[in-house]
Amino acid sequence: MGQQLCPRPGRAGRAGGSAGLVPGGHPVRHGCAPGAVPTRYVWGSGDPALGRRAATTTGRWVAGPYRLDVLEGAGHWLPENHPEELAELLREHLAVASVRSLTGG
């Protein structure tokens, strides 16, 4: 069912965090293939934790359909501070992914 998580070497069993696993991971460093599921990255241009480089280069690690949406001026906490915009993008993403899965495209 679904894609397996990519192990992070040397981190398994550590307290807190993701217990040594990261969804998708970094294919080169962790030996994982890019994910093939439809992926939508919603990024706030004012995010102090995830910079522009992360937002603009993530697509190269996705083998399936990929889309980046930028919420200009938004920070890191999109669900808390921009729930309406995020919900609309999520609804659109799920509708497109559902159509793709039903039509095989």
Protein backbone atom coordinates (compact mmCIF):
# COMPACT_ATOMS: atom_id res chain seq x y z
CA MET A 1 0.00 0.00 0.00
CA GLY A 2 1.51 3.33 -1.07
CA GLN A 3 5.19 4.13 -1.14
CA GLN A 4 7.57 3.00 1.54
CA LEU A 5 9.32 5.54 3.69
CA CYS A 6 12.97 6.09 2.96
CA PRO A 7 15.30 5.28 5.89
CA ARG A 8 17.63 7.93 7.26
CA PRO A 9 20.90 6.18 8.04
CA GLY A 10 22.06 6.42 11.64
CA ARG A 11 18.85 7.93 13.00
CA ALA A 12 16.65 4.91 13.73
CA GLY A 13 15.72 4.57 17.36
CA ARG A 14 16.46 8.17 18.23
CA ALA A 15 13.94 9.82 20.50
CA GLY A 16 11.54 12.28 18.94
CA GLY A 17 11.29 13.37 15.32
CA SER A 18 10.35 10.83 12.71
CA ALA A 19 11.97 7.77 14.32
CA GLY A 20 14.57 7.72 11.59
CA LEU A 21 12.19 7.78 8.64
CA VAL A 22 11.38 10.55 6.23
CA PRO A 23 8.69 10.35 3.50
CA GLY A 24 10.48 10.17 0.19
CA GLY A 25 13.76 11.30 1.67
CA HIS A 26 16.56 12.60 -0.52
CA PRO A 27 17.00 10.02 -3.30
CA VAL A 28 20.73 10.56 -3.73
CA ARG A 29 21.74 10.57 -0.07
CA HIS A 30 19.31 7.89 1.05
CA GLY A 31 19.24 5.60 -1.98
CA CYS A 32 15.52 6.02 -2.63
CA ALA A 33 13.75 6.47 -5.94
CA PRO A 34 11.72 9.66 -6.50
CA GLY A 35 8.07 9.39 -5.49
CA ALA A 36 5.58 8.69 -8.27
CA VAL A 37 2.41 9.93 -6.57
CA PRO A 38 0.84 13.26 -7.58
CA THR A 39 2.53 15.88 -5.39
CA ARG A 40 1.62 19.46 -4.64
CA TYR A 41 4.00 21.65 -2.66
CA VAL A 42 2.37 24.70 -1.09
CA TRP A 43 4.98 27.12 0.19
CA GLY A 44 4.77 30.50 1.88
CA SER A 45 7.34 32.91 0.44
CA GLY A 46 7.95 34.26 3.95
CA ASP A 47 8.67 30.84 5.48
CA PRO A 48 11.77 31.17 7.71
CA ALA A 49 12.21 27.38 8.01
CA LEU A 50 11.86 26.21 4.40
CA GLY A 51 13.57 28.53 1.96
CA ARG A 52 12.97 29.28 -1.69
CA ARG A 53 15.57 26.71 -2.79
CA ALA A 54 13.72 23.87 -1.06
CA ALA A 55 10.46 25.02 -2.60
CA THR A 56 11.79 25.38 -6.12
CA THR A 57 13.96 22.25 -6.27
CA THR A 58 11.70 19.66 -4.64
CA GLY A 59 10.05 18.86 -7.98
CA ARG A 60 13.18 17.15 -9.26
CA TRP A 61 12.70 14.44 -6.62
CA VAL A 62 9.16 13.63 -7.77
CA ALA A 63 8.60 11.28 -10.71
CA GLY A 64 4.82 11.77 -10.85
CA PRO A 65 2.79 14.90 -11.54
CA TYR A 66 4.16 17.82 -9.52
CA ARG A 67 3.05 21.36 -8.87
CA LEU A 68 4.46 24.15 -6.70
CA ASP A 69 2.10 26.83 -5.41
CA VAL A 70 3.55 29.91 -3.70
CA LEU A 71 1.48 31.90 -1.22
CA GLU A 72 3.21 35.29 -1.44
CA GLY A 73 4.10 36.71 1.96
CA ALA A 74 2.79 33.69 3.88
CA GLY A 75 4.97 32.17 6.59
CA HIS A 76 5.53 28.62 7.79
CA TRP A 77 2.19 27.92 9.49
CA LEU A 78 -0.07 27.76 6.42
CA PRO A 79 -2.91 25.67 7.94
CA GLU A 80 -3.18 28.00 10.91
CA ASN A 81 -2.79 31.31 9.07
CA HIS A 82 -4.12 30.60 5.57
CA PRO A 83 -6.69 27.82 6.00
CA GLU A 84 -9.03 28.93 3.21
CA GLU A 85 -6.32 29.21 0.56
CA LEU A 86 -4.74 25.92 1.61
CA ALA A 87 -8.09 24.12 1.66
CA GLU A 88 -8.92 25.35 -1.85
CA LEU A 89 -5.55 24.18 -3.20
CA LEU A 90 -5.99 20.82 -1.48
CA ARG A 91 -9.51 20.36 -2.89
CA GLU A 92 -8.22 21.15 -6.38
CA HIS A 93 -5.26 18.76 -5.97
CA LEU A 94 -7.46 15.90 -4.77
CA ALA A 95 -9.95 16.44 -7.58
CA VAL A 96 -7.21 16.36 -10.22
CA ALA A 97 -5.53 13.33 -8.62
CA SER A 98 -8.89 11.52 -8.47
CA VAL A 99 -9.58 12.17 -12.15
CA ARG A 100 -6.07 10.95 -13.04
CA SER A 101 -6.54 7.75 -11.06
CA LEU A 102 -9.92 7.09 -12.68
CA THR A 103 -8.74 7.78 -16.23
CA GLY A 104 -5.27 6.29 -15.89
CA GLY A 105 -3.60 9.57 -16.80
